[in-house]
PDB file of N, CA and C in Angstrom:
ATOM      1  N   MET A   1     -10.469  30.106   9.667  1.00  0.00           N
ATOM      2  CA  MET A   1     -10.625  29.244   9.289  1.00  0.00           C
ATOM      3  C   MET A   1      -9.180  28.857   8.323  1.00  0.00           C
ATOM      4  N   ILE A   2      -8.000  29.503   8.311  1.00  0.00           N
ATOM      5  CA  ILE A   2      -6.646  28.853   8.157  1.00  0.00           C
ATOM      6  C   ILE A   2      -5.995  28.019   9.084  1.00  0.00           C
ATOM      7  N   ARG A   3      -6.266  28.443  10.536  1.00  0.00           N
ATOM      8  CA  ARG A   3      -5.859  27.127  11.777  1.00  0.00           C
ATOM      9  C   ARG A   3      -6.296  25.871  10.982  1.00  0.00           C
ATOM     10  N   LEU A   4      -7.912  25.912  10.895  1.00  0.00           N
ATOM     11  CA  LEU A   4      -8.667  24.633  10.232  1.00  0.00           C
ATOM     12  C   LEU A   4      -8.319  23.942   9.406  1.00  0.00           C
ATOM     13  N   LEU A   5      -7.850  24.477   7.784  1.00  0.00           N
ATOM     14  CA  LEU A   5      -7.281  23.818   6.685  1.00  0.00           C
ATOM     15  C   LEU A   5      -5.963  23.577   7.318  1.00  0.00           C
ATOM     16  N   ALA A   6      -5.505  24.207   7.943  1.00  0.00           N
ATOM     17  CA  ALA A   6      -3.464  23.903   8.143  1.00  0.00           C
ATOM     18  C   ALA A   6      -3.548  22.312   8.957  1.00  0.00           C
ATOM     19  N   LEU A   7      -4.819  22.588   9.632  1.00  0.00           N
ATOM     20  CA  LEU A   7      -5.495  21.273  11.032  1.00  0.00           C
ATOM     21  C   LEU A   7      -5.466  20.262  10.078  1.00  0.00           C
ATOM     22  N   ALA A   8      -6.745  20.367   9.182  1.00  0.00           N
ATOM     23  CA  ALA A   8      -6.976  19.389   8.499  1.00  0.00           C
ATOM     24  C   ALA A   8      -5.670  18.626   7.273  1.00  0.00           C
ATOM     25  N   LEU A   9      -5.131  19.196   6.786  1.00  0.00           N
ATOM     26  CA  LEU A   9      -3.739  19.355   6.012  1.00  0.00           C
ATOM     27  C   LEU A   9      -2.658  18.095   6.954  1.00  0.00           C
ATOM     28  N   LEU A  10      -2.697  18.713   7.791  1.00  0.00           N
ATOM     29  CA  LEU A  10      -1.406  17.888   9.127  1.00  0.00           C
ATOM     30  C   LEU A  10      -2.657  16.261   8.864  1.00  0.00           C
ATOM     31  N   LEU A  11      -3.681  16.449   9.622  1.00  0.00           N
ATOM     32  CA  LEU A  11      -4.271  15.505   9.789  1.00  0.00           C
ATOM     33  C   LEU A  11      -4.253  14.503   8.494  1.00  0.00           C
ATOM     34  N   ALA A  12      -4.225  14.681   7.485  1.00  0.00           N
ATOM     35  CA  ALA A  12      -3.916  14.013   6.540  1.00  0.00           C
ATOM     36  C   ALA A  12      -2.779  13.531   5.782  1.00  0.00           C
ATOM     37  N   VAL A  13      -1.630  14.082   6.215  1.00  0.00           N
ATOM     38  CA  VAL A  13      -0.534  13.700   5.805  1.00  0.00           C
ATOM     39  C   VAL A  13      -0.162  12.716   7.079  1.00  0.00           C
ATOM     40  N   VAL A  14      -0.394  12.803   8.358  1.00  0.00           N
ATOM     41  CA  VAL A  14      -0.022  12.138   9.445  1.00  0.00           C
ATOM     42  C   VAL A  14      -1.038  10.659   8.994  1.00  0.00           C
ATOM     43  N   CYS A  15      -2.188  10.765   8.579  1.00  0.00           N
ATOM     44  CA  CYS A  15      -3.128   9.574   8.227  1.00  0.00           C
ATOM     45  C   CYS A  15      -2.026   8.389   7.257  1.00  0.00           C
ATOM     46  N   ARG A  16      -1.663   9.837   6.272  1.00  0.00           N
ATOM     47  CA  ARG A  16      -1.012   8.700   4.863  1.00  0.00           C
ATOM     48  C   ARG A  16       0.095   8.142   5.970  1.00  0.00           C
ATOM     49  N   TRP A  17       0.941   8.618   6.509  1.00  0.00           N
ATOM     50  CA  TRP A  17       2.417   8.408   7.113  1.00  0.00           C
ATOM     51  C   TRP A  17       2.504   7.029   7.683  1.00  0.00           C
ATOM     52  N   ILE A  18       0.977   7.423   8.913  1.00  0.00           N
ATOM     53  CA  ILE A  18       0.267   6.158   9.458  1.00  0.00           C
ATOM     54  C   ILE A  18       0.013   4.798   8.824  1.00  0.00           C
ATOM     55  N   PHE A  19      -1.080   5.384   8.076  1.00  0.00           N
ATOM     56  CA  PHE A  19      -1.877   4.132   7.639  1.00  0.00           C
ATOM     57  C   PHE A  19      -1.362   3.699   5.925  1.00  0.00           C
ATOM     58  N   GLY A  20      -0.604   4.552   5.166  1.00  0.00           N
ATOM     59  CA  GLY A  20      -0.489   4.189   3.984  1.00  0.00           C
ATOM     60  C   GLY A  20      -1.859   4.572   2.762  1.00  0.00           C
ATOM     61  N   LYS A  21      -2.227   5.186   3.766  1.00  0.00           N
ATOM     62  CA  LYS A  21      -3.519   6.036   2.703  1.00  0.00           C
ATOM     63  C   LYS A  21      -4.048   6.953   3.308  1.00  0.00           C
ATOM     64  N   TRP A  22      -4.484   7.667   1.910  1.00  0.00           N
ATOM     65  CA  TRP A  22      -4.940   9.381   2.181  1.00  0.00           C
ATOM     66  C   TRP A  22      -6.419   9.496   2.997  1.00  0.00           C
ATOM     67  N   PRO A  23      -7.210  10.075   3.451  1.00  0.00           N
ATOM     68  CA  PRO A  23      -7.982   9.628   4.416  1.00  0.00           C
ATOM     69  C   PRO A  23      -9.034   9.723   3.325  1.00  0.00           C
ATOM     70  N   TRP A  24      -9.477  10.364   2.135  1.00  0.00           N
ATOM     71  CA  TRP A  24     -10.345   9.826   1.287  1.00  0.00           C
ATOM     72  C   TRP A  24     -10.345   8.760   0.282  1.00  0.00           C
ATOM     73  N   GLU A  25      -9.213   7.980   0.781  1.00  0.00           N
ATOM     74  CA  GLU A  25      -9.082   7.011  -0.138  1.00  0.00           C
ATOM     75  C   GLU A  25     -10.027   5.686   0.772  1.00  0.00           C
ATOM     76  N   TYR A  26     -10.420   6.087   2.172  1.00  0.00           N
ATOM     77  CA  TYR A  26     -11.169   5.257   2.528  1.00  0.00           C
ATOM     78  C   TYR A  26     -12.379   4.991   2.612  1.00  0.00           C
ATOM     79  N   LEU A  27     -13.007   6.412   2.036  1.00  0.00           N
ATOM     80  CA  LEU A  27     -14.254   6.662   1.510  1.00  0.00           C
ATOM     81  C   LEU A  27     -14.656   6.038   0.234  1.00  0.00           C
ATOM     82  N   ALA A  28     -13.579   5.683  -0.951  1.00  0.00           N
ATOM     83  CA  ALA A  28     -14.082   4.767  -1.758  1.00  0.00           C
ATOM     84  C   ALA A  28     -14.373   3.606  -1.734  1.00  0.00           C
ATOM     85  N   THR A  29     -15.720   3.467  -2.417  1.00  0.00           N
ATOM     86  CA  THR A  29     -16.172   2.299  -2.259  1.00  0.00           C
ATOM     87  C   THR A  29     -15.559   0.759  -3.390  1.00  0.00           C
ATOM     88  N   LYS A  30     -15.397  -0.261  -3.162  1.00  0.00           N
ATOM     89  CA  LYS A  30     -14.791  -1.057  -3.986  1.00  0.00           C
ATOM     90  C   LYS A  30     -16.018  -2.241  -4.630  1.00  0.00           C
ATOM     91  N   SER A  31     -15.162  -2.776  -5.547  1.00  0.00           N
ATOM     92  CA  SER A  31     -16.478  -3.361  -6.100  1.00  0.00           C
ATOM     93  C   SER A  31     -16.897  -4.709  -5.403  1.00  0.00           C
ATOM     94  N   PRO A  32     -17.894  -5.565  -6.184  1.00  0.00           N
ATOM     95  CA  PRO A  32     -18.249  -6.668  -4.995  1.00  0.00           C
ATOM     96  C   PRO A  32     -17.062  -7.799  -5.874  1.00  0.00           C
ATOM     97  N   SER A  33     -16.013  -7.504  -6.956  1.00  0.00           N
ATOM     98  CA  SER A  33     -15.699  -8.504  -6.997  1.00  0.00           C
ATOM     99  C   SER A  33     -14.264  -8.457  -6.223  1.00  0.00           C
ATOM    100  N   GLU A  34     -14.271  -7.294  -5.767  1.00  0.00           N
ATOM    101  CA  GLU A  34     -12.816  -6.842  -5.123  1.00  0.00           C
ATOM    102  C   GLU A  34     -13.098  -7.294  -3.846  1.00  0.00           C
ATOM    103  N   ARG A  35     -14.323  -6.889  -3.130  1.00  0.00           N
ATOM    104  CA  ARG A  35     -14.796  -7.221  -2.000  1.00  0.00           C
ATOM    105  C   ARG A  35     -14.523  -9.047  -1.962  1.00  0.00           C
ATOM    106  N   ALA A  36     -14.946  -9.733  -2.939  1.00  0.00           N
ATOM    107  CA  ALA A  36     -14.704 -11.092  -2.917  1.00  0.00           C
ATOM    108  C   ALA A  36     -13.199 -11.305  -2.506  1.00  0.00           C
ATOM    109  N   LEU A  37     -12.507 -11.040  -3.634  1.00  0.00           N
ATOM    110  CA  LEU A  37     -11.158 -10.773  -3.556  1.00  0.00           C
ATOM    111  C   LEU A  37     -10.688 -10.702  -2.004  1.00  0.00           C
ATOM    112  N   ASP A  38     -10.850  -9.581  -1.752  1.00  0.00           N
ATOM    113  CA  ASP A  38     -10.311  -9.146  -0.234  1.00  0.00           C
ATOM    114  C   ASP A  38     -10.669 -10.256   0.986  1.00  0.00           C
ATOM    115  N   ARG A  39     -11.971 -10.962   0.745  1.00  0.00           N
ATOM    116  CA  ARG A  39     -12.434 -11.713   1.729  1.00  0.00           C
ATOM    117  C   ARG A  39     -11.672 -13.201   1.446  1.00  0.00           C
ATOM    118  N   ALA A  40     -11.043 -13.612   0.031  1.00  0.00           N
ATOM    119  CA  ALA A  40     -10.518 -15.190  -0.304  1.00  0.00           C
ATOM    120  C   ALA A  40      -9.311 -14.400   0.487  1.00  0.00           C
ATOM    121  N   ARG A  41      -8.766 -13.431   0.574  1.00  0.00           N
ATOM    122  CA  ARG A  41      -7.159 -13.602   0.888  1.00  0.00           C
ATOM    123  C   ARG A  41      -7.356 -13.556   2.508  1.00  0.00           C
ATOM    124  N   HIS A  42      -8.108 -12.476   3.189  1.00  0.00           N
ATOM    125  CA  HIS A  42      -8.434 -13.083   4.480  1.00  0.00           C
ATOM    126  C   HIS A  42      -8.601 -14.314   4.945  1.00  0.00           C
ATOM    127  N   LEU A  43      -9.326 -15.040   4.161  1.00  0.00           N
ATOM    128  CA  LEU A  43      -9.560 -16.164   4.579  1.00  0.00           C
ATOM    129  C   LEU A  43      -8.671 -16.945   4.735  1.00  0.00           C
ATOM    130  N   LEU A  44      -7.727 -17.279   3.585  1.00  0.00           N
ATOM    131  CA  LEU A  44      -6.741 -18.117   3.421  1.00  0.00           C
ATOM    132  C   LEU A  44      -5.629 -17.527   3.848  1.00  0.00           C
ATOM    133  N   ASP A  45      -5.639 -15.900   4.500  1.00  0.00           N
ATOM    134  CA  ASP A  45      -3.836 -15.419   4.849  1.00  0.00           C
ATOM    135  C   ASP A  45      -3.492 -15.249   4.177  1.00  0.00           C
ATOM    136  N   VAL A  46      -3.403 -14.706   2.790  1.00  0.00           N
ATOM    137  CA  VAL A  46      -2.086 -14.260   2.092  1.00  0.00           C
ATOM    138  C   VAL A  46      -2.017 -12.953   1.291  1.00  0.00           C
ATOM    139  N   ARG A  47      -1.257 -12.393   0.781  1.00  0.00           N
ATOM    140  CA  ARG A  47      -0.998 -10.781   0.735  1.00  0.00           C
ATOM    141  C   ARG A  47      -1.565 -11.269  -1.031  1.00  0.00           C
ATOM    142  N   PRO A  48      -1.959  -9.834  -1.372  1.00  0.00           N
ATOM    143  CA  PRO A  48      -2.648  -9.392  -2.430  1.00  0.00           C
ATOM    144  C   PRO A  48      -1.627  -9.640  -3.281  1.00  0.00           C
ATOM    145  N   GLY A  49      -0.082  -9.719  -3.286  1.00  0.00           N
ATOM    146  CA  GLY A  49       0.210 -10.525  -4.643  1.00  0.00           C
ATOM    147  C   GLY A  49       0.728 -11.461  -4.458  1.00  0.00           C
ATOM    148  N   ALA A  50       0.214 -12.934  -3.378  1.00  0.00           N
ATOM    149  CA  ALA A  50       0.754 -14.055  -3.451  1.00  0.00           C
ATOM    150  C   ALA A  50       0.648 -14.756  -4.604  1.00  0.00           C
ATOM    151  N   SER A  51       1.720 -15.638  -5.106  1.00  0.00           N
ATOM    152  CA  SER A  51       1.721 -16.572  -6.044  1.00  0.00           C
ATOM    153  C   SER A  51       0.861 -17.564  -5.816  1.00  0.00           C
ATOM    154  N   ALA A  52       0.559 -18.307  -6.992  1.00  0.00           N
ATOM    155  CA  ALA A  52      -0.050 -19.596  -7.135  1.00  0.00           C
ATOM    156  C   ALA A  52      -0.023 -20.767  -5.826  1.00  0.00           C
ATOM    157  N   GLU A  53       1.577 -21.104  -5.866  1.00  0.00           N
ATOM    158  CA  GLU A  53       2.095 -21.459  -5.190  1.00  0.00           C
ATOM    159  C   GLU A  53       1.763 -21.236  -3.624  1.00  0.00           C
ATOM    160  N   ASP A  54       1.710 -20.225  -3.295  1.00  0.00           N
ATOM    161  CA  ASP A  54       1.596 -19.637  -2.039  1.00  0.00           C
ATOM    162  C   ASP A  54      -0.011 -19.925  -1.702  1.00  0.00           C
ATOM    163  N   ILE A  55      -1.129 -19.526  -2.585  1.00  0.00           N
ATOM    164  CA  ILE A  55      -2.306 -19.654  -2.431  1.00  0.00           C
ATOM    165  C   ILE A  55      -2.127 -21.470  -1.964  1.00  0.00           C
ATOM    166  N   ARG A  56      -1.857 -22.121  -2.886  1.00  0.00           N
ATOM    167  CA  ARG A  56      -1.917 -23.576  -2.834  1.00  0.00           C
ATOM    168  C   ARG A  56      -1.582 -24.030  -1.198  1.00  0.00           C
ATOM    169  N   LEU A  57      -0.671 -23.602  -0.685  1.00  0.00           N
ATOM    170  CA  LEU A  57      -0.359 -23.937   0.354  1.00  0.00           C
ATOM    171  C   LEU A  57      -0.691 -23.492   1.632  1.00  0.00           C
ATOM    172  N   ALA A  58      -1.271 -22.194   1.249  1.00  0.00           N
ATOM    173  CA  ALA A  58      -2.469 -21.626   2.547  1.00  0.00           C
ATOM    174  C   ALA A  58      -3.609 -22.118   2.617  1.00  0.00           C
ATOM    175  N   HIS A  59      -3.894 -23.079   1.268  1.00  0.00           N
ATOM    176  CA  HIS A  59      -5.009 -23.675   1.550  1.00  0.00           C
ATOM    177  C   HIS A  59      -4.958 -25.173   1.659  1.00  0.00           C
ATOM    178  N   ARG A  60      -3.986 -25.488   1.864  1.00  0.00           N
ATOM    179  CA  ARG A  60      -3.687 -26.706   2.372  1.00  0.00           C
ATOM    180  C   ARG A  60      -3.421 -26.804   3.688  1.00  0.00           C
ATOM    181  N   ARG A  61      -2.959 -25.793   4.125  1.00  0.00           N
ATOM    182  CA  ARG A  61      -3.058 -25.510   5.782  1.00  0.00           C
ATOM    183  C   ARG A  61      -4.279 -25.137   6.564  1.00  0.00           C
ATOM    184  N   ILE A  62      -5.199 -24.090   5.758  1.00  0.00           N
ATOM    185  CA  ILE A  62      -6.108 -24.223   6.344  1.00  0.00           C
ATOM    186  C   ILE A  62      -7.102 -25.127   6.146  1.00  0.00           C
ATOM    187  N   ALA A  63      -6.923 -26.243   5.375  1.00  0.00           N
ATOM    188  CA  ALA A  63      -7.529 -27.035   4.623  1.00  0.00           C
ATOM    189  C   ALA A  63      -7.878 -28.009   5.907  1.00  0.00           C
ATOM    190  N   THR A  64      -6.322 -28.542   6.418  1.00  0.00           N
ATOM    191  CA  THR A  64      -6.225 -29.821   7.371  1.00  0.00           C
ATOM    192  C   THR A  64      -6.739 -29.127   8.750  1.00  0.00           C
ATOM    193  N   ILE A  65      -7.028 -27.841   9.169  1.00  0.00           N
ATOM    194  CA  ILE A  65      -7.554 -27.530  10.208  1.00  0.00           C
ATOM    195  C   ILE A  65      -9.121 -27.484  10.314  1.00  0.00           C
ATOM    196  N   ILE A  66      -9.354 -27.013   9.172  1.00  0.00           N
ATOM    197  CA  ILE A  66     -11.056 -26.907   9.251  1.00  0.00           C
ATOM    198  C   ILE A  66     -11.793 -28.296   8.256  1.00  0.00           C
ATOM    199  N   HIS A  67     -10.911 -29.603   7.946  1.00  0.00           N
ATOM    200  CA  HIS A  67     -11.711 -30.419   7.484  1.00  0.00           C
ATOM    201  C   HIS A  67     -12.503 -31.418   7.868  1.00  0.00           C
ATOM    202  N   PRO A  68     -13.912 -31.699   7.597  1.00  0.00           N
ATOM    203  CA  PRO A  68     -14.326 -32.343   8.283  1.00  0.00           C
ATOM    204  C   PRO A  68     -13.995 -33.257   9.227  1.00  0.00           C
ATOM    205  N   ASP A  69     -12.972 -34.218   8.746  1.00  0.00           N
ATOM    206  CA  ASP A  69     -12.511 -35.420   9.152  1.00  0.00           C
ATOM    207  C   ASP A  69     -11.339 -35.129  10.761  1.00  0.00           C
ATOM    208  N   LYS A  70     -11.433 -33.637  10.681  1.00  0.00           N
ATOM    209  CA  LYS A  70     -10.361 -33.047  12.043  1.00  0.00           C
ATOM    210  C   LYS A  70     -11.388 -32.525  13.190  1.00  0.00           C
ATOM    211  N   GLY A  71     -12.802 -32.127  12.935  1.00  0.00           N
ATOM    212  CA  GLY A  71     -13.567 -31.953  13.589  1.00  0.00           C
ATOM    213  C   GLY A  71     -13.980 -30.351  13.014  1.00  0.00           C
ATOM    214  N   GLY A  72     -13.611 -29.707  11.680  1.00  0.00           N
ATOM    215  CA  GLY A  72     -14.300 -29.009  11.184  1.00  0.00           C
ATOM    216  C   GLY A  72     -15.396 -29.199  10.594  1.00  0.00           C
ATOM    217  N   SER A  73     -15.905 -28.130   9.868  1.00  0.00           N
ATOM    218  CA  SER A  73     -17.365 -28.115   8.783  1.00  0.00           C
ATOM    219  C   SER A  73     -17.085 -28.392   8.087  1.00  0.00           C
ATOM    220  N   ALA A  74     -17.648 -29.012   7.029  1.00  0.00           N
ATOM    221  CA  ALA A  74     -17.987 -28.971   5.693  1.00  0.00           C
ATOM    222  C   ALA A  74     -18.190 -27.452   4.841  1.00  0.00           C
ATOM    223  N   SER A  75     -19.030 -26.829   5.380  1.00  0.00           N
ATOM    224  CA  SER A  75     -19.378 -25.632   5.148  1.00  0.00           C
ATOM    225  C   SER A  75     -18.510 -24.439   4.916  1.00  0.00           C
ATOM    226  N   ALA A  76     -17.188 -24.656   5.698  1.00  0.00           N
ATOM    227  CA  ALA A  76     -16.301 -24.109   6.489  1.00  0.00           C
ATOM    228  C   ALA A  76     -14.873 -24.533   4.837  1.00  0.00           C
ATOM    229  N   LEU A  77     -14.953 -25.753   4.951  1.00  0.00           N
ATOM    230  CA  LEU A  77     -13.803 -26.457   3.855  1.00  0.00           C
ATOM    231  C   LEU A  77     -14.687 -25.749   2.062  1.00  0.00           C
ATOM    232  N   GLN A  78     -15.322 -25.974   1.862  1.00  0.00           N
ATOM    233  CA  GLN A  78     -16.092 -25.633   1.156  1.00  0.00           C
ATOM    234  C   GLN A  78     -16.095 -23.879   0.724  1.00  0.00           C
ATOM    235  N   GLU A  79     -15.879 -23.100   1.665  1.00  0.00           N
ATOM    236  CA  GLU A  79     -15.434 -21.865   1.618  1.00  0.00           C
ATOM    237  C   GLU A  79     -13.915 -21.726   1.520  1.00  0.00           C
ATOM    238  N   ALA A  80     -13.593 -22.105   2.052  1.00  0.00           N
ATOM    239  CA  ALA A  80     -11.898 -22.247   1.612  1.00  0.00           C
ATOM    240  C   ALA A  80     -11.472 -22.619   0.446  1.00  0.00           C
ATOM    241  N   ASN A  81     -12.186 -23.871  -0.275  1.00  0.00           N
ATOM    242  CA  ASN A  81     -11.647 -23.975  -1.584  1.00  0.00           C
ATOM    243  C   ASN A  81     -12.263 -23.125  -2.603  1.00  0.00           C
ATOM    244  N   ALA A  82     -13.604 -22.193  -2.290  1.00  0.00           N
ATOM    245  CA  ALA A  82     -14.362 -21.451  -3.078  1.00  0.00           C
ATOM    246  C   ALA A  82     -13.062 -19.983  -3.332  1.00  0.00           C
ATOM    247  N   ALA A  83     -12.734 -20.079  -1.798  1.00  0.00           N
ATOM    248  CA  ALA A  83     -11.683 -19.030  -2.048  1.00  0.00           C
ATOM    249  C   ALA A  83     -10.425 -19.107  -3.024  1.00  0.00           C
ATOM    250  N   ARG A  84      -9.901 -20.282  -2.557  1.00  0.00           N
ATOM    251  CA  ARG A  84      -8.842 -20.842  -3.560  1.00  0.00           C
ATOM    252  C   ARG A  84      -9.045 -20.683  -4.910  1.00  0.00           C
ATOM    253  N   ASP A  85     -10.187 -20.824  -5.110  1.00  0.00           N
ATOM    254  CA  ASP A  85     -10.370 -21.496  -6.860  1.00  0.00           C
ATOM    255  C   ASP A  85     -10.478 -19.879  -7.262  1.00  0.00           C
ATOM    256  N   LEU A  86     -11.415 -19.034  -6.606  1.00  0.00           N
ATOM    257  CA  LEU A  86     -11.550 -17.489  -6.561  1.00  0.00           C
ATOM    258  C   LEU A  86      -9.685 -16.513  -6.991  1.00  0.00           C
ATOM    259  N   LEU A  87      -8.699 -17.468  -6.003  1.00  0.00           N
ATOM    260  CA  LEU A  87      -7.782 -16.633  -6.271  1.00  0.00           C
ATOM    261  C   LEU A  87      -6.913 -16.975  -7.024  1.00  0.00           C
ATOM    262  N   LEU A  88      -6.776 -18.194  -7.414  1.00  0.00           N
ATOM    263  CA  LEU A  88      -6.202 -18.925  -8.768  1.00  0.00           C
ATOM    264  C   LEU A  88      -6.679 -18.222 -10.023  1.00  0.00           C
ATOM    265  N   ASP A  89      -8.171 -18.479 -10.362  1.00  0.00           N
ATOM    266  CA  ASP A  89      -8.554 -17.746 -11.384  1.00  0.00           C
ATOM    267  C   ASP A  89      -8.337 -16.358 -11.652  1.00  0.00           C
ATOM    268  N   GLN A  90      -8.087 -15.925 -10.558  1.00  0.00           N
ATOM    269  CA  GLN A  90      -7.262 -14.455 -10.689  1.00  0.00           C
ATOM    270  C   GLN A  90      -6.328 -14.295 -11.111  1.00  0.00           C
ATOM    271  N   ILE A  91      -5.181 -15.001 -10.552  1.00  0.00           N
ATOM    272  CA  ILE A  91      -4.359 -15.141 -10.970  1.00  0.00           C
ATOM    273  C   ILE A  91      -4.075 -15.425 -12.373  1.00  0.00           C
ATOM    274  N   SER A  92      -4.467 -16.578 -13.106  1.00  0.00           N
ATOM    275  CA  SER A  92      -4.715 -16.952 -14.156  1.00  0.00           C
ATOM    276  C   SER A  92      -5.112 -16.092 -15.170  1.00  0.00           C
ATOM    277  N   ARG A  93      -6.207 -15.284 -14.938  1.00  0.00           N
ATOM    278  CA  ARG A  93      -6.693 -14.070 -16.010  1.00  0.00           C
ATOM    279  C   ARG A  93      -5.843 -12.758 -15.699  1.00  0.00           C
ATOM    280  N   THR A  94      -5.469 -12.385 -15.203  1.00  0.00           N
ATOM    281  CA  THR A  94      -4.254 -11.473 -15.000  1.00  0.00           C
ATOM    282  C   THR A  94      -2.990 -11.702 -16.013  1.00  0.00           C
ATOM    283  N   ARG A  95      -2.310 -12.808 -15.755  1.00  0.00           N
ATOM    284  CA  ARG A  95      -1.888 -13.254 -16.913  1.00  0.00           C
ATOM    285  C   ARG A  95      -2.078 -13.657 -18.384  1.00  0.00           C
ATOM    286  N   THR A  96      -3.046 -13.887 -18.609  1.00  0.00           N
ATOM    287  CA  THR A  96      -3.553 -14.058 -19.939  1.00  0.00           C
ATOM    288  C   THR A  96      -4.345 -12.668 -20.618  1.00  0.00           C
ATOM    289  N   GLU A  97      -4.402 -11.316 -19.673  1.00  0.00           N
ATOM    290  CA  GLU A  97      -4.933 -10.406 -20.078  1.00  0.00           C
ATOM    291  C   GLU A  97      -3.437  -9.820 -21.093  1.00  0.00           C
ATOM    292  N   PRO A  98      -3.788  -9.285 -21.985  1.00  0.00           N
ATOM    293  CA  PRO A  98      -2.368  -8.235 -22.928  1.00  0.00           C
ATOM    294  C   PRO A  98      -2.134  -7.154 -21.981  1.00  0.00           C
ATOM    295  N   PRO A  99      -0.901  -6.946 -22.040  1.00  0.00           N
ATOM    296  CA  PRO A  99      -0.422  -5.651 -21.169  1.00  0.00           C
ATOM    297  C   PRO A  99      -0.935  -3.904 -21.704  1.00  0.00           C
ATOM    298  N   ARG A 100      -1.006  -3.152 -21.105  1.00  0.00           N
ATOM    299  CA  ARG A 100      -1.768  -2.112 -20.989  1.00  0.00           C
ATOM    300  C   ARG A 100      -0.959  -1.032 -21.507  1.00  0.00           C
TER     301      ARG A 100
END
């Protein structure tokens, strides 16, 4: 029994060291707004702490690739626009909230 506990502890530490998260953090579910923000960041390929300028540049880069005039689809461009708007809105909302 002690060996199993020691092995579980060792695996948890290794997981934290390699992946940067404890194993039980993978079990936590995200809210729908957090999932939408993650999807928008993934779509535009920006990091979580990206500035508004980084988001605009990433959107411009993606939009030139998926624009309907360049052979892309209108729905993909609308999705990129929605991702940009969501991320920019999230940045402006965090700036106007009072510090806690």
